[in-house]
C-alpha atoms as a PDB file:
ATOM      1  CA  MET A   1     -14.004-154.495 -10.778  1.00  0.00           C
ATOM      2  CA  ASP A   2     -16.087-157.284 -12.428  1.00  0.00           C
ATOM      3  CA  ASN A   3     -19.634-155.781 -11.296  1.00  0.00           C
ATOM      4  CA  GLN A   4     -20.734-159.399 -11.123  1.00  0.00           C
ATOM      5  CA  LYS A   5     -23.903-160.154  -9.321  1.00  0.00           C
ATOM      6  CA  ILE A   6     -26.298-162.933  -8.699  1.00  0.00           C
ATOM      7  CA  SER A   7     -29.753-162.079  -7.505  1.00  0.00           C
ATOM      8  CA  TRP A   8     -32.771-164.113  -6.724  1.00  0.00           C
ATOM      9  CA  GLN A   9     -35.977-164.173  -4.653  1.00  0.00           C
ATOM     10  CA  ALA A  10     -36.846-166.679  -1.982  1.00  0.00           C
ATOM     11  CA  LEU A  11     -39.322-167.019   0.814  1.00  0.00           C
ATOM     12  CA  GLU A  12     -37.894-165.710   4.067  1.00  0.00           C
ATOM     13  CA  TYR A  13     -38.398-169.248   5.719  1.00  0.00           C
ATOM     14  CA  GLU A  14     -39.938-172.519   5.001  1.00  0.00           C
ATOM     15  CA  HIS A  15     -43.551-172.338   6.190  1.00  0.00           C
ATOM     16  CA  ARG A  16     -45.000-175.390   7.932  1.00  0.00           C
ATOM     17  CA  ASP A  17     -48.596-175.393   8.871  1.00  0.00           C
ATOM     18  CA  LYS A  18     -49.164-175.833  12.481  1.00  0.00           C
ATOM     19  CA  THR A  19     -51.887-178.221  13.775  1.00  0.00           C
ATOM     20  CA  PRO A  20     -54.275-177.363  16.557  1.00  0.00           C
ATOM     21  CA  ASP A  21     -52.202-179.748  18.832  1.00  0.00           C
ATOM     22  CA  TRP A  22     -49.186-177.372  18.275  1.00  0.00           C
ATOM     23  CA  PHE A  23     -51.193-174.470  19.594  1.00  0.00           C
ATOM     24  CA  TRP A  24     -52.617-176.490  22.552  1.00  0.00           C
ATOM     25  CA  ILE A  25     -48.987-177.448  23.547  1.00  0.00           C
ATOM     26  CA  LEU A  26     -47.813-173.872  23.230  1.00  0.00           C
ATOM     27  CA  GLY A  27     -50.740-172.868  25.466  1.00  0.00           C
ATOM     28  CA  MET A  28     -50.154-175.532  28.106  1.00  0.00           C
ATOM     29  CA  VAL A  29     -46.381-174.918  28.303  1.00  0.00           C
ATOM     30  CA  SER A  30     -46.951-171.145  28.499  1.00  0.00           C
ATOM     31  CA  LEU A  31     -49.630-171.749  31.270  1.00  0.00           C
ATOM     32  CA  VAL A  32     -47.210-173.914  33.279  1.00  0.00           C
ATOM     33  CA  LEU A  33     -44.403-171.370  33.059  1.00  0.00           C
ATOM     34  CA  ILE A  34     -46.733-168.491  33.837  1.00  0.00           C
ATOM     35  CA  VAL A  35     -48.091-170.345  36.939  1.00  0.00           C
ATOM     36  CA  SER A  36     -44.466-171.165  37.998  1.00  0.00           C
ATOM     37  CA  ALA A  37     -43.496-167.497  37.624  1.00  0.00           C
ATOM     38  CA  VAL A  38     -46.392-166.334  39.718  1.00  0.00           C
ATOM     39  CA  ILE A  39     -45.628-168.919  42.439  1.00  0.00           C
ATOM     40  CA  TYR A  40     -41.990-167.599  42.580  1.00  0.00           C
ATOM     41  CA  LYS A  41     -43.342-164.055  42.554  1.00  0.00           C
ATOM     42  CA  ASN A  42     -41.682-163.199  39.287  1.00  0.00           C
ATOM     43  CA  ILE A  43     -44.482-161.225  37.640  1.00  0.00           C
ATOM     44  CA  LEU A  44     -42.173-159.790  34.979  1.00  0.00           C
ATOM     45  CA  PHE A  45     -41.152-163.182  33.751  1.00  0.00           C
ATOM     46  CA  ALA A  46     -44.896-164.153  33.658  1.00  0.00           C
ATOM     47  CA  ALA A  47     -45.621-161.134  31.500  1.00  0.00           C
ATOM     48  CA  LEU A  48     -42.698-161.985  29.281  1.00  0.00           C
ATOM     49  CA  ILE A  49     -44.133-165.496  28.782  1.00  0.00           C
ATOM     50  CA  VAL A  50     -47.522-164.133  27.871  1.00  0.00           C
ATOM     51  CA  VAL A  51     -46.041-161.677  25.285  1.00  0.00           C
ATOM     52  CA  GLY A  52     -43.654-164.461  24.016  1.00  0.00           C
ATOM     53  CA  ALA A  53     -46.465-167.086  23.680  1.00  0.00           C
ATOM     54  CA  PHE A  54     -48.635-164.578  21.815  1.00  0.00           C
ATOM     55  CA  THR A  55     -45.901-163.568  19.498  1.00  0.00           C
ATOM     56  CA  MET A  56     -45.164-167.238  18.704  1.00  0.00           C
ATOM     57  CA  ALA A  57     -48.796-167.839  17.952  1.00  0.00           C
ATOM     58  CA  LEU A  58     -48.977-164.909  15.600  1.00  0.00           C
ATOM     59  CA  TYR A  59     -45.732-165.881  13.921  1.00  0.00           C
ATOM     60  CA  ALA A  60     -46.881-169.449  13.557  1.00  0.00           C
ATOM     61  CA  VAL A  61     -49.797-168.414  11.395  1.00  0.00           C
ATOM     62  CA  ARG A  62     -48.075-165.706   9.417  1.00  0.00           C
ATOM     63  CA  LYS A  63     -47.031-166.677   5.847  1.00  0.00           C
ATOM     64  CA  PRO A  64     -43.517-166.007   4.714  1.00  0.00           C
ATOM     65  CA  ARG A  65     -42.745-162.949   2.654  1.00  0.00           C
ATOM     66  CA  LEU A  66     -40.779-163.091  -0.707  1.00  0.00           C
ATOM     67  CA  ILE A  67     -37.441-161.523  -0.055  1.00  0.00           C
ATOM     68  CA  ASN A  68     -34.790-160.298  -2.632  1.00  0.00           C
ATOM     69  CA  PHE A  69     -31.288-161.510  -2.170  1.00  0.00           C
ATOM     70  CA  GLU A  70     -28.163-160.477  -4.130  1.00  0.00           C
ATOM     71  CA  VAL A  71     -24.412-161.356  -3.936  1.00  0.00           C
ATOM     72  CA  ASN A  72     -22.373-158.745  -5.682  1.00  0.00           C
ATOM     73  CA  ASP A  73     -18.900-157.124  -5.600  1.00  0.00           C
ATOM     74  CA  LYS A  74     -19.784-154.930  -2.580  1.00  0.00           C
ATOM     75  CA  GLY A  75     -21.272-157.602  -0.304  1.00  0.00           C
ATOM     76  CA  VAL A  76     -24.499-159.544   0.312  1.00  0.00           C
ATOM     77  CA  VAL A  77     -27.886-157.710   0.071  1.00  0.00           C
ATOM     78  CA  ILE A  78     -30.854-159.028   1.897  1.00  0.00           C
ATOM     79  CA  LYS A  79     -34.088-157.121   1.252  1.00  0.00           C
ATOM     80  CA  ASN A  80     -32.528-153.566   1.027  1.00  0.00           C
ATOM     81  CA  THR A  81     -29.649-154.101   3.582  1.00  0.00           C
ATOM     82  CA  LEU A  82     -26.170-154.401   2.284  1.00  0.00           C
ATOM     83  CA  TYR A  83     -23.891-156.622   4.438  1.00  0.00           C
ATOM     84  CA  GLN A  84     -20.413-155.519   3.156  1.00  0.00           C
ATOM     85  CA  TYR A  85     -17.607-158.069   2.849  1.00  0.00           C
ATOM     86  CA  LYS A  86     -15.463-155.999   5.243  1.00  0.00           C
ATOM     87  CA  HIS A  87     -18.110-156.875   7.940  1.00  0.00           C
ATOM     88  CA  LEU A  88     -18.297-160.583   6.990  1.00  0.00           C
ATOM     89  CA  HIS A  89     -15.742-163.125   8.287  1.00  0.00           C
ATOM     90  CA  SER A  90     -16.545-166.173   6.034  1.00  0.00           C
ATOM     91  CA  PHE A  91     -19.329-168.287   4.594  1.00  0.00           C
ATOM     92  CA  CYS A  92     -20.489-171.889   4.677  1.00  0.00           C
ATOM     93  CA  PRO A  93     -22.606-173.429   2.014  1.00  0.00           C
ATOM     94  CA  ARG A  94     -25.073-175.992   3.269  1.00  0.00           C
ATOM     95  CA  GLU A  95     -27.248-178.469   1.441  1.00  0.00           C
ATOM     96  CA  ASP A  96     -29.555-180.854   3.108  1.00  0.00           C
ATOM     97  CA  ASN A  97     -33.140-182.246   2.976  1.00  0.00           C
ATOM     98  CA  ARG A  98     -34.564-178.774   3.830  1.00  0.00           C
ATOM     99  CA  GLY A  99     -32.775-177.093   0.909  1.00  0.00           C
ATOM    100  CA  ARG A 100     -29.753-175.115   0.141  1.00  0.00           C
ATOM    101  CA  LYS A 101     -28.438-172.105   1.999  1.00  0.00           C
ATOM    102  CA  ILE A 102     -25.358-170.026   2.632  1.00  0.00           C
ATOM    103  CA  ILE A 103     -24.500-169.408   6.316  1.00  0.00           C
ATOM    104  CA  LEU A 104     -22.608-166.203   6.767  1.00  0.00           C
ATOM    105  CA  GLN A 105     -20.422-165.402   9.763  1.00  0.00           C
ATOM    106  CA  SER A 106     -20.318-161.733  10.593  1.00  0.00           C
ATOM    107  CA  LYS A 107     -17.635-159.934  12.382  1.00  0.00           C
ATOM    108  CA  LYS A 108     -20.380-158.125  14.476  1.00  0.00           C
ATOM    109  CA  SER A 109     -21.206-159.750  17.887  1.00  0.00           C
ATOM    110  CA  ILE A 110     -24.868-158.777  17.715  1.00  0.00           C
ATOM    111  CA  MET A 111     -25.631-161.002  14.747  1.00  0.00           C
ATOM    112  CA  PRO A 112     -22.694-163.447  14.359  1.00  0.00           C
ATOM    113  CA  HIS A 113     -24.409-165.944  12.025  1.00  0.00           C
ATOM    114  CA  PHE A 114     -27.190-165.598   9.644  1.00  0.00           C
ATOM    115  CA  SER A 115     -28.223-167.662   6.612  1.00  0.00           C
ATOM    116  CA  ILE A 116     -29.708-166.943   3.285  1.00  0.00           C
ATOM    117  CA  PRO A 117     -31.685-169.544   1.382  1.00  0.00           C
ATOM    118  CA  VAL A 118     -30.729-170.368  -2.239  1.00  0.00           C
ATOM    119  CA  PRO A 119     -33.518-171.921  -4.281  1.00  0.00           C
ATOM    120  CA  ALA A 120     -32.959-174.727  -6.867  1.00  0.00           C
ATOM    121  CA  ASN A 121     -33.310-172.309  -9.809  1.00  0.00           C
ATOM    122  CA  VAL A 122     -30.237-170.357  -8.625  1.00  0.00           C
ATOM    123  CA  ASN A 123     -26.675-171.355  -9.595  1.00  0.00           C
ATOM    124  CA  PHE A 124     -25.302-172.501  -6.124  1.00  0.00           C
ATOM    125  CA  GLU A 125     -21.761-173.089  -7.416  1.00  0.00           C
ATOM    126  CA  GLY A 126     -21.809-169.537  -8.989  1.00  0.00           C
ATOM    127  CA  VAL A 127     -22.866-167.975  -5.591  1.00  0.00           C
ATOM    128  CA  LYS A 128     -20.036-169.928  -3.909  1.00  0.00           C
ATOM    129  CA  THR A 129     -17.563-168.880  -6.504  1.00  0.00           C
ATOM    130  CA  LEU A 130     -18.468-165.298  -6.280  1.00  0.00           C
ATOM    131  CA  LEU A 131     -18.384-165.243  -2.463  1.00  0.00           C
ATOM    132  CA  LEU A 132     -14.939-166.922  -2.517  1.00  0.00           C
ATOM    133  CA  LYS A 133     -13.546-163.875  -4.331  1.00  0.00           C
ATOM    134  CA  TYR A 134     -14.228-161.758  -1.223  1.00  0.00           C
ATOM    135  CA  ILE A 135     -14.476-163.946   1.790  1.00  0.00           C
ATOM    136  CA  PRO A 136     -13.111-167.360   2.735  1.00  0.00           C
ATOM    137  CA  GLU A 137     -15.237-170.555   2.983  1.00  0.00           C
ATOM    138  CA  ASP A 138     -15.264-172.099   6.487  1.00  0.00           C
ATOM    139  CA  ASP A 139     -17.462-174.647   8.198  1.00  0.00           C
ATOM    140  CA  HIS A 140     -19.984-173.043  10.555  1.00  0.00           C
ATOM    141  CA  PRO A 141     -22.568-174.586  12.742  1.00  0.00           C
ATOM    142  CA  GLU A 142     -26.194-173.432  12.359  1.00  0.00           C
ATOM    143  CA  SER A 143     -26.987-170.776  14.948  1.00  0.00           C
ATOM    144  CA  LEU A 144     -28.733-171.989  18.113  1.00  0.00           C
ATOM    145  CA  SER A 145     -31.737-169.874  17.375  1.00  0.00           C
ATOM    146  CA  GLU A 146     -32.087-171.371  13.871  1.00  0.00           C
ATOM    147  CA  VAL A 147     -31.878-174.940  15.343  1.00  0.00           C
ATOM    148  CA  ILE A 148     -34.469-174.105  18.019  1.00  0.00           C
ATOM    149  CA  MET A 149     -36.866-172.504  15.438  1.00  0.00           C
ATOM    150  CA  ASN A 150     -36.552-175.433  13.181  1.00  0.00           C
ATOM    151  CA  SER A 151     -37.396-177.869  16.057  1.00  0.00           C
ATOM    152  CA  LEU A 152     -40.396-175.770  16.854  1.00  0.00           C
ATOM    153  CA  GLY A 153     -41.624-176.044  13.241  1.00  0.00           C
ATOM    154  CA  PHE A 154     -40.726-172.583  12.189  1.00  0.00           C
END
């Protein structure tokens, strides 16, 4: 085996500061949903909206952590978790105005797609070449949750 590896650190997500208007909109939308849930006598849904809105507000002010990433001959390591190649179906490199990332498609149904950021100081072609030794390249759409989170400013 080659024992090749490429490792780097990157922020877990691109942080965008939220304006006070963002929090007001979150509060108003949450309030409308809570009132609607109470009118329809769905108290559990109202409680879920309260918890969800509170969680979103906390997440909105939280600064991203610096995460260790590694691509090696065994799989892809994110933080301290190894995603072995035998559990990965394929990968898709993406480059756009938000940066570069690799979208990985897992064979597991719980987390079918996840992406890892690749900063400018990392050899993007080298990462793709190393991944190609073990899994095929394919075109994947971004996961719905990622699209929603990006549109909400996360």
